[in-house]
Amino acid sequence: MEYRTLPHGGEKIGVIGMGSSVVGAQKESDIAKTVRAAFDLGVNYFDMAGGHATIFPAYGKALHDIRSQVYLQVHFGADYTTGEYGWTTELDEIKKSVDWQLKNLQTDYIDFGFIHCLDEEADLAAYEKNGVLKYLTDLQTQGVVHHLGLSSHTPLLANRVLDMKLIDMLMFSINPVYDYGKGDFGFGENTERYDLYRRCQREGVGISVMKPFCGGQLLDKKQSPFQAALTKTQCIAYALDKPGVITALPGYGNEQELREVLSYFETSPEARDYSAVSTFAPENTLGKCVYCKHCHPCPAGLDIALINKYYDLAKLGDGLAKEHYLTLEHTSQDCVSCGHCDSRCPFLVHQSQRMQEILAYFGK
């Protein structure tokens, strides 16, 4: 496992966590077994927005003795009190649901308390009007909730909540299907989505990635809107390369599927290369660096993807991006304009020309 640090809080979070949408279909004992196996393999971040209420007692049994070593992402608005998944913006119902979840999880605190599934303007208005946001901030003041977060598929509303300066973590759907305007939840233009990722990094808000495989569509040529299949490793690499991302949260139905995803850490750079997405990227997204590292290694030793990332962040107002850039062993001034990166970039970025642009911007 590899770990990334949450900017607001300092928690070390595994870059691959566990979503709960799939495992809930199993028996309670099998759910607990898979969850415990995940922890034993280094997973320490668990999302609790599943389709089945059975995940809660199962997780409680699996994690009660190691509760302080894991982070739970609990959603305010997801209602399981009936035994099935439901969704509500009513404060009293949310309070009952949260109490029920805490009891079954065998815990008295929540690491990440999330505003659940905010995709409509009316839902944000309801959460505010009904007192849900105040309830969440009160729980944070009391120490019951350690961090506030938001789950959304919509850049516009994610930005609206970021403006409120409430959250430390954003759960967002990141995959090529949505980033390139396909699928039911492909909200926002490609540039709008990337600007959201960069804003999160600039403001120290971590991103936990939902739907990295787009519900399995990206793994199946017949289901993919691009008529081409990617591997789980490629999808994970795609998500983890995006600015602001702390952890990706695929769902596992059992321990075998868990181990299959975690084999990511044993794969080569070639196996992680997702540059094939350039063949189905919209024309208006070409010529823009997506930090895929396909141009690596640079003969002059530049980390081209990271240089590009710091440049993009600096242009958006990240005051620390320049400092990070200046600490790199090799900066754009070391570019020898050999053209190696230009010939390898699947997104048609003229990187050697861009290095000169970056040099003029940073002055080094």
Protein backbone atom coordinates (compact mmCIF):
# COMPACT_ATOMS: atom_id res chain seq x y z
CA MET A 1 0.00 0.00 0.00
CA GLU A 2 1.04 3.56 -0.64
CA TYR A 3 -0.28 6.42 1.48
CA ARG A 4 -1.06 10.08 0.86
CA THR A 5 -1.47 12.78 3.49
CA LEU A 6 -4.75 14.64 3.90
CA PRO A 7 -3.77 18.35 3.80
CA HIS A 8 -6.33 19.38 6.44
CA GLY A 9 -5.58 17.00 9.28
CA GLY A 10 -2.46 15.09 8.30
CA GLU A 11 -4.04 11.61 8.20
CA LYS A 12 -2.12 9.04 6.16
CA ILE A 13 -4.65 7.45 3.84
CA GLY A 14 -4.09 4.47 1.55
CA VAL A 15 -4.28 5.43 -2.12
CA ILE A 16 -6.64 2.52 -2.67
CA GLY A 17 -9.51 2.26 -0.23
CA MET A 18 -12.75 0.29 -0.27
CA GLY A 19 -16.18 1.19 -1.57
CA SER A 20 -19.18 -0.71 -0.24
CA SER A 21 -21.56 -0.82 -3.18
CA VAL A 22 -20.70 -4.41 -4.19
CA VAL A 23 -19.79 -6.31 -1.05
CA GLY A 24 -23.16 -5.71 0.61
CA ALA A 25 -24.74 -8.40 -1.56
CA GLN A 26 -22.75 -11.03 0.35
CA LYS A 27 -23.54 -12.70 3.67
CA GLU A 28 -22.64 -10.67 6.75
CA SER A 29 -19.83 -13.05 7.71
CA ASP A 30 -18.35 -12.85 4.21
CA ILE A 31 -18.56 -9.05 4.22
CA ALA A 32 -16.68 -8.94 7.53
CA LYS A 33 -14.07 -11.35 6.17
CA THR A 34 -13.44 -9.19 3.08
CA VAL A 35 -13.26 -5.98 5.12
CA ARG A 36 -10.76 -7.49 7.55
CA ALA A 37 -8.68 -8.83 4.67
CA ALA A 38 -8.63 -5.35 3.17
CA PHE A 39 -7.27 -3.92 6.42
CA ASP A 40 -4.66 -6.66 6.66
CA LEU A 41 -3.49 -5.72 3.16
CA GLY A 42 -3.08 -2.04 4.07
CA VAL A 43 -6.49 -0.55 3.25
CA ASN A 44 -7.44 1.98 5.91
CA TYR A 45 -10.16 4.10 4.26
CA PHE A 46 -13.70 2.74 3.91
CA ASP A 47 -16.71 4.40 2.31
CA MET A 48 -20.06 3.52 3.83
CA ALA A 49 -22.42 4.55 1.02
CA GLY A 50 -23.52 1.05 0.03
CA GLY A 51 -26.70 -0.34 -1.38
CA HIS A 52 -27.31 -2.70 1.55
CA ALA A 53 -27.84 -2.06 5.25
CA THR A 54 -26.02 -5.30 6.10
CA ILE A 55 -22.66 -3.65 5.57
CA PHE A 56 -22.91 -1.73 8.85
CA PRO A 57 -23.05 -4.59 11.38
CA ALA A 58 -20.51 -6.48 9.27
CA TYR A 59 -18.06 -3.57 9.24
CA GLY A 60 -18.67 -3.05 12.95
CA LYS A 61 -17.65 -6.63 13.72
CA ALA A 62 -14.67 -6.52 11.36
CA LEU A 63 -13.20 -3.23 12.57
CA HIS A 64 -14.25 -2.72 16.21
CA ASP A 65 -10.89 -3.79 17.67
CA ILE A 66 -8.88 -1.68 15.19
CA ARG A 67 -11.25 1.29 14.98
CA SER A 68 -8.52 3.86 15.67
CA GLN A 69 -6.47 2.56 12.74
CA VAL A 70 -9.10 3.08 10.04
CA TYR A 71 -11.11 5.95 8.59
CA LEU A 72 -14.83 5.70 7.91
CA GLN A 73 -16.60 7.90 5.39
CA VAL A 74 -20.25 8.17 6.54
CA HIS A 75 -22.95 9.90 4.49
CA PHE A 76 -25.54 12.25 6.01
CA GLY A 77 -28.56 11.72 3.80
CA ALA A 78 -28.09 8.02 3.12
CA ASP A 79 -30.76 6.24 5.18
CA TYR A 80 -30.56 2.55 6.16
CA THR A 81 -33.02 2.41 9.04
CA THR A 82 -35.56 0.46 6.95
CA GLY A 83 -33.02 -2.24 6.17
CA GLU A 84 -32.58 -0.96 2.61
CA TYR A 85 -30.79 2.03 1.15
CA GLY A 86 -32.79 5.24 1.06
CA TRP A 87 -32.04 8.91 0.61
CA THR A 88 -33.37 11.89 2.56
CA THR A 89 -32.70 15.56 3.25
CA GLU A 90 -34.95 15.65 6.36
CA LEU A 91 -33.00 16.41 9.54
CA ASP A 92 -34.89 14.10 11.90
CA GLU A 93 -34.54 11.17 9.50
CA ILE A 94 -30.85 11.89 9.04
CA LYS A 95 -30.31 11.99 12.81
CA LYS A 96 -32.01 8.60 13.22
CA SER A 97 -30.00 7.13 10.37
CA VAL A 98 -26.67 8.41 11.70
CA ASP A 99 -27.45 7.06 15.19
CA TRP A 100 -28.35 3.70 13.62
CA GLN A 101 -25.13 3.63 11.59
CA LEU A 102 -22.94 4.51 14.58
CA LYS A 103 -24.58 1.82 16.71
CA ASN A 104 -24.09 -0.87 14.08
CA LEU A 105 -20.55 0.27 13.30
CA GLN A 106 -19.77 -0.06 17.03
CA THR A 107 -18.25 3.42 17.18
CA ASP A 108 -19.04 6.79 18.72
CA TYR A 109 -17.31 9.01 16.15
CA ILE A 110 -17.12 9.56 12.41
CA ASP A 111 -13.87 10.33 10.66
CA PHE A 112 -15.48 11.89 7.59
CA GLY A 113 -19.08 13.09 7.76
CA PHE A 114 -20.34 13.66 4.22
CA ILE A 115 -23.16 15.69 2.74
CA HIS A 116 -24.62 12.91 0.61
CA CYS A 117 -25.09 12.86 -3.16
CA LEU A 118 -25.40 16.57 -3.88
CA ASP A 119 -26.22 16.88 -7.59
CA GLU A 120 -29.16 19.30 -7.64
CA GLU A 121 -29.42 22.94 -6.54
CA ALA A 122 -32.64 22.09 -4.71
CA ASP A 123 -30.85 19.47 -2.61
CA LEU A 124 -28.28 21.99 -1.36
CA ALA A 125 -31.10 24.40 -0.51
CA ALA A 126 -32.91 21.62 1.36
CA TYR A 127 -29.79 20.62 3.32
CA GLU A 128 -29.38 24.26 4.37
CA LYS A 129 -33.06 24.97 5.07
CA ASN A 130 -33.59 21.75 7.05
CA GLY A 131 -30.60 22.41 9.30
CA VAL A 132 -28.51 19.48 8.06
CA LEU A 133 -25.41 21.58 7.42
CA LYS A 134 -25.66 23.13 10.89
CA TYR A 135 -26.14 19.65 12.37
CA LEU A 136 -22.95 18.49 10.68
CA THR A 137 -20.93 21.49 11.82
CA ASP A 138 -22.29 21.10 15.36
CA LEU A 139 -21.17 17.46 15.39
CA GLN A 140 -17.75 18.56 14.22
CA THR A 141 -17.56 21.11 17.04
CA GLN A 142 -18.49 18.35 19.50
CA GLY A 143 -15.78 16.07 18.11
CA VAL A 144 -18.22 13.42 16.88
CA VAL A 145 -17.31 14.21 13.26
CA HIS A 146 -13.63 14.86 12.62
CA HIS A 147 -13.84 16.12 9.03
CA LEU A 148 -16.68 17.34 6.85
CA GLY A 149 -16.99 16.19 3.28
CA LEU A 150 -19.22 16.13 0.24
CA SER A 151 -20.16 13.49 -2.32
CA SER A 152 -21.21 14.81 -5.72
CA HIS A 153 -21.04 14.14 -9.46
CA THR A 154 -21.53 17.81 -10.38
CA PRO A 155 -18.64 20.29 -10.61
CA LEU A 156 -20.94 23.31 -10.29
CA LEU A 157 -22.32 22.19 -6.92
CA ALA A 158 -18.97 20.89 -5.70
CA ASN A 159 -17.56 24.36 -6.34
CA ARG A 160 -20.53 25.91 -4.57
CA VAL A 161 -19.76 23.92 -1.42
CA LEU A 162 -16.03 24.62 -1.72
CA ASP A 163 -16.94 28.31 -1.68
CA MET A 164 -18.51 27.72 1.74
CA LYS A 165 -15.13 26.61 3.17
CA LEU A 166 -16.70 23.67 5.02
CA ILE A 167 -15.13 20.51 3.68
CA ASP A 168 -11.82 18.71 3.90
CA MET A 169 -12.68 15.88 1.48
CA LEU A 170 -14.68 15.67 -1.74
CA MET A 171 -15.95 12.34 -3.04
CA PHE A 172 -16.15 12.69 -6.80
CA SER A 173 -16.52 10.39 -9.78
CA ILE A 174 -13.30 10.36 -11.79
CA ASN A 175 -12.92 8.16 -14.86
CA PRO A 176 -12.46 8.76 -18.61
CA VAL A 177 -16.14 8.17 -19.33
CA TYR A 178 -17.30 11.06 -17.16
CA ASP A 179 -14.26 13.28 -17.77
CA TYR A 180 -14.97 13.12 -21.50
CA GLY A 181 -18.66 13.86 -21.22
CA LYS A 182 -20.08 10.35 -21.56
CA GLY A 183 -22.38 8.36 -19.29
CA ASP A 184 -25.24 9.25 -16.97
CA PHE A 185 -23.01 11.17 -14.56
CA GLY A 186 -20.65 12.85 -17.02
CA PHE A 187 -21.59 16.31 -15.75
CA GLY A 188 -19.46 19.31 -16.65
CA GLU A 189 -17.03 19.96 -19.47
CA ASN A 190 -13.61 18.34 -19.37
CA THR A 191 -11.93 21.65 -18.50
CA GLU A 192 -14.48 22.33 -15.75
CA ARG A 193 -13.82 18.94 -14.17
CA TYR A 194 -10.02 19.34 -14.29
CA ASP A 195 -10.29 22.83 -12.83
CA LEU A 196 -12.26 21.32 -9.93
CA TYR A 197 -9.51 18.76 -9.28
CA ARG A 198 -6.89 21.49 -9.37
CA ARG A 199 -8.94 23.72 -7.08
CA CYS A 200 -9.16 20.93 -4.53
CA GLN A 201 -5.41 20.49 -4.55
CA ARG A 202 -4.87 24.25 -4.35
CA GLU A 203 -7.18 24.58 -1.34
CA GLY A 204 -6.01 21.45 0.46
CA VAL A 205 -9.24 19.51 -0.03
CA GLY A 206 -8.60 15.83 -0.67
CA ILE A 207 -10.54 13.85 -3.26
CA SER A 208 -11.79 10.32 -2.68
CA VAL A 209 -12.67 8.79 -6.03
CA MET A 210 -15.91 6.93 -6.57
CA LYS A 211 -16.71 4.90 -9.70
CA PRO A 212 -13.10 4.58 -10.96
CA PHE A 213 -14.25 1.72 -13.25
CA CYS A 214 -17.51 3.50 -14.16
CA GLY A 215 -19.57 0.65 -12.75
CA GLY A 216 -17.50 -1.86 -14.75
CA GLN A 217 -18.25 -0.24 -18.12
CA LEU A 218 -14.62 0.70 -18.70
CA LEU A 219 -13.52 -2.90 -18.18
CA ASP A 220 -15.83 -4.34 -20.87
CA LYS A 221 -15.38 -3.46 -24.53
CA LYS A 222 -19.04 -4.18 -25.23
CA GLN A 223 -20.29 -1.89 -22.45
CA SER A 224 -17.73 0.90 -22.81
CA PRO A 225 -18.99 3.98 -24.66
CA PHE A 226 -15.58 4.02 -26.33
CA GLN A 227 -15.80 0.41 -27.65
CA ALA A 228 -12.46 -0.24 -25.97
CA ALA A 229 -11.62 -1.85 -22.63
CA LEU A 230 -9.23 -0.61 -19.98
CA THR A 231 -7.82 -2.67 -17.13
CA LYS A 232 -8.49 -2.02 -13.47
CA THR A 233 -4.85 -1.01 -13.11
CA GLN A 234 -5.18 1.60 -15.86
CA CYS A 235 -8.35 3.01 -14.30
CA ILE A 236 -6.74 3.27 -10.86
CA ALA A 237 -3.66 4.96 -12.33
CA TYR A 238 -5.89 7.40 -14.24
CA ALA A 239 -7.68 8.42 -11.03
CA LEU A 240 -4.57 8.66 -8.86
CA ASP A 241 -2.81 10.92 -11.36
CA LYS A 242 -5.45 13.62 -11.03
CA PRO A 243 -4.66 16.68 -8.86
CA GLY A 244 -6.04 16.56 -5.35
CA VAL A 245 -6.75 12.83 -5.31
CA ILE A 246 -5.94 11.10 -2.04
CA THR A 247 -7.60 7.71 -2.54
CA ALA A 248 -9.60 5.70 -5.07
CA LEU A 249 -12.49 3.61 -3.73
CA PRO A 250 -13.38 0.67 -5.98
CA GLY A 251 -15.87 -1.89 -4.72
CA TYR A 252 -14.89 -5.50 -4.03
CA GLY A 253 -17.37 -8.34 -3.86
CA ASN A 254 -14.93 -10.68 -2.14
CA GLU A 255 -11.32 -11.15 -1.12
CA GLN A 256 -10.31 -12.38 -4.56
CA GLU A 257 -11.52 -9.17 -6.20
CA LEU A 258 -9.82 -7.18 -3.45
CA ARG A 259 -6.46 -8.83 -4.15
CA GLU A 260 -6.93 -8.35 -7.88
CA VAL A 261 -7.28 -4.58 -7.48
CA LEU A 262 -4.45 -4.33 -4.95
CA SER A 263 -2.14 -6.11 -7.38
CA TYR A 264 -1.88 -2.60 -8.82
CA PHE A 265 1.13 -2.09 -6.56
CA GLU A 266 2.97 -4.92 -8.29
CA THR A 267 2.40 -3.64 -11.82
CA SER A 268 4.90 -1.98 -14.12
CA PRO A 269 4.67 1.59 -15.46
CA GLU A 270 3.74 0.03 -18.81
CA ALA A 271 0.78 -1.80 -17.26
CA ARG A 272 -0.40 1.44 -15.64
CA ASP A 273 -0.18 3.40 -18.88
CA TYR A 274 -3.69 4.60 -19.73
CA SER A 275 -2.69 6.73 -22.72
CA ALA A 276 -5.07 4.67 -24.85
CA VAL A 277 -7.79 7.04 -23.65
CA SER A 278 -6.36 9.64 -26.04
CA THR A 279 -7.82 7.67 -28.94
CA PHE A 280 -11.33 8.40 -27.71
CA ALA A 281 -10.79 11.78 -26.08
CA PRO A 282 -12.83 14.60 -27.64
CA GLU A 283 -10.87 16.78 -30.02
CA ASN A 284 -11.22 19.82 -27.76
CA THR A 285 -9.32 18.02 -24.98
CA LEU A 286 -6.26 17.28 -27.10
CA GLY A 287 -3.26 19.52 -26.61
CA LYS A 288 -3.81 19.58 -22.84
CA CYS A 289 -1.52 17.74 -20.42
CA VAL A 290 -3.37 15.21 -18.25
CA TYR A 291 -0.20 14.19 -16.33
CA CYS A 292 -0.32 10.63 -17.68
CA LYS A 293 3.51 10.33 -17.74
CA HIS A 294 3.45 8.59 -21.12
CA CYS A 295 6.23 10.97 -22.17
CA HIS A 296 8.49 9.68 -19.38
CA PRO A 297 11.36 9.06 -18.92
CA CYS A 298 12.80 12.38 -19.98
CA PRO A 299 16.41 12.10 -21.26
CA ALA A 300 17.26 15.23 -19.24
CA GLY A 301 15.65 13.86 -16.07
CA LEU A 302 12.64 16.19 -15.89
CA ASP A 303 9.45 15.02 -14.18
CA ILE A 304 7.37 16.46 -17.01
CA ALA A 305 3.99 15.51 -15.56
CA LEU A 306 4.74 17.09 -12.18
CA ILE A 307 6.15 20.25 -13.76
CA ASN A 308 2.96 20.60 -15.77
CA LYS A 309 0.81 20.00 -12.70
CA TYR A 310 2.59 22.67 -10.65
CA TYR A 311 2.33 25.12 -13.57
CA ASP A 312 -1.41 24.56 -13.96
CA LEU A 313 -1.95 24.92 -10.21
CA ALA A 314 0.13 28.09 -10.04
CA LYS A 315 -1.89 29.69 -12.83
CA LEU A 316 -5.05 28.96 -10.83
CA GLY A 317 -3.66 30.80 -7.81
CA ASP A 318 -1.98 28.06 -5.75
CA GLY A 319 0.66 30.01 -3.85
CA LEU A 320 2.58 26.88 -2.86
CA ALA A 321 2.81 25.43 -6.37
CA LYS A 322 5.74 27.67 -7.30
CA GLU A 323 7.60 26.69 -4.13
CA HIS A 324 7.06 23.01 -4.90
CA TYR A 325 8.21 23.58 -8.47
CA LEU A 326 11.37 25.35 -7.38
CA THR A 327 12.35 22.45 -5.11
CA LEU A 328 12.38 19.97 -8.02
CA GLU A 329 15.79 18.56 -8.88
CA HIS A 330 15.21 19.42 -12.53
CA THR A 331 13.01 22.28 -13.70
CA SER A 332 11.96 23.54 -17.11
CA GLN A 333 15.26 25.37 -17.50
CA ASP A 334 16.94 21.96 -17.83
CA CYS A 335 14.87 21.05 -20.91
CA VAL A 336 17.16 20.45 -23.92
CA SER A 337 14.29 20.53 -26.46
CA CYS A 338 15.15 17.08 -27.77
CA GLY A 339 11.52 16.46 -28.72
CA HIS A 340 11.38 13.03 -27.07
CA CYS A 341 8.29 14.03 -25.07
CA ASP A 342 6.59 15.64 -28.07
CA SER A 343 6.82 12.46 -30.08
CA ARG A 344 5.43 10.33 -27.26
CA CYS A 345 2.53 12.45 -25.99
CA PRO A 346 -0.74 10.72 -26.93
CA PHE A 347 -2.66 13.93 -26.20
CA LEU A 348 -0.63 15.93 -28.76
CA VAL A 349 0.85 18.32 -26.22
CA HIS A 350 3.94 20.16 -27.49
CA GLN A 351 5.80 19.63 -24.25
CA SER A 352 9.16 21.09 -25.28
CA GLN A 353 7.39 24.32 -26.28
CA ARG A 354 5.40 24.21 -23.05
CA MET A 355 8.64 23.90 -21.04
CA GLN A 356 9.73 27.24 -22.46
CA GLU A 357 6.36 28.73 -21.49
CA ILE A 358 6.76 27.34 -17.97
CA LEU A 359 10.32 28.68 -17.77
CA ALA A 360 9.09 32.17 -18.68
CA TYR A 361 6.33 31.92 -16.05
CA PHE A 362 8.46 30.70 -13.12
CA GLY A 363 11.71 32.35 -14.16
CA LYS A 364 13.71 29.18 -13.66
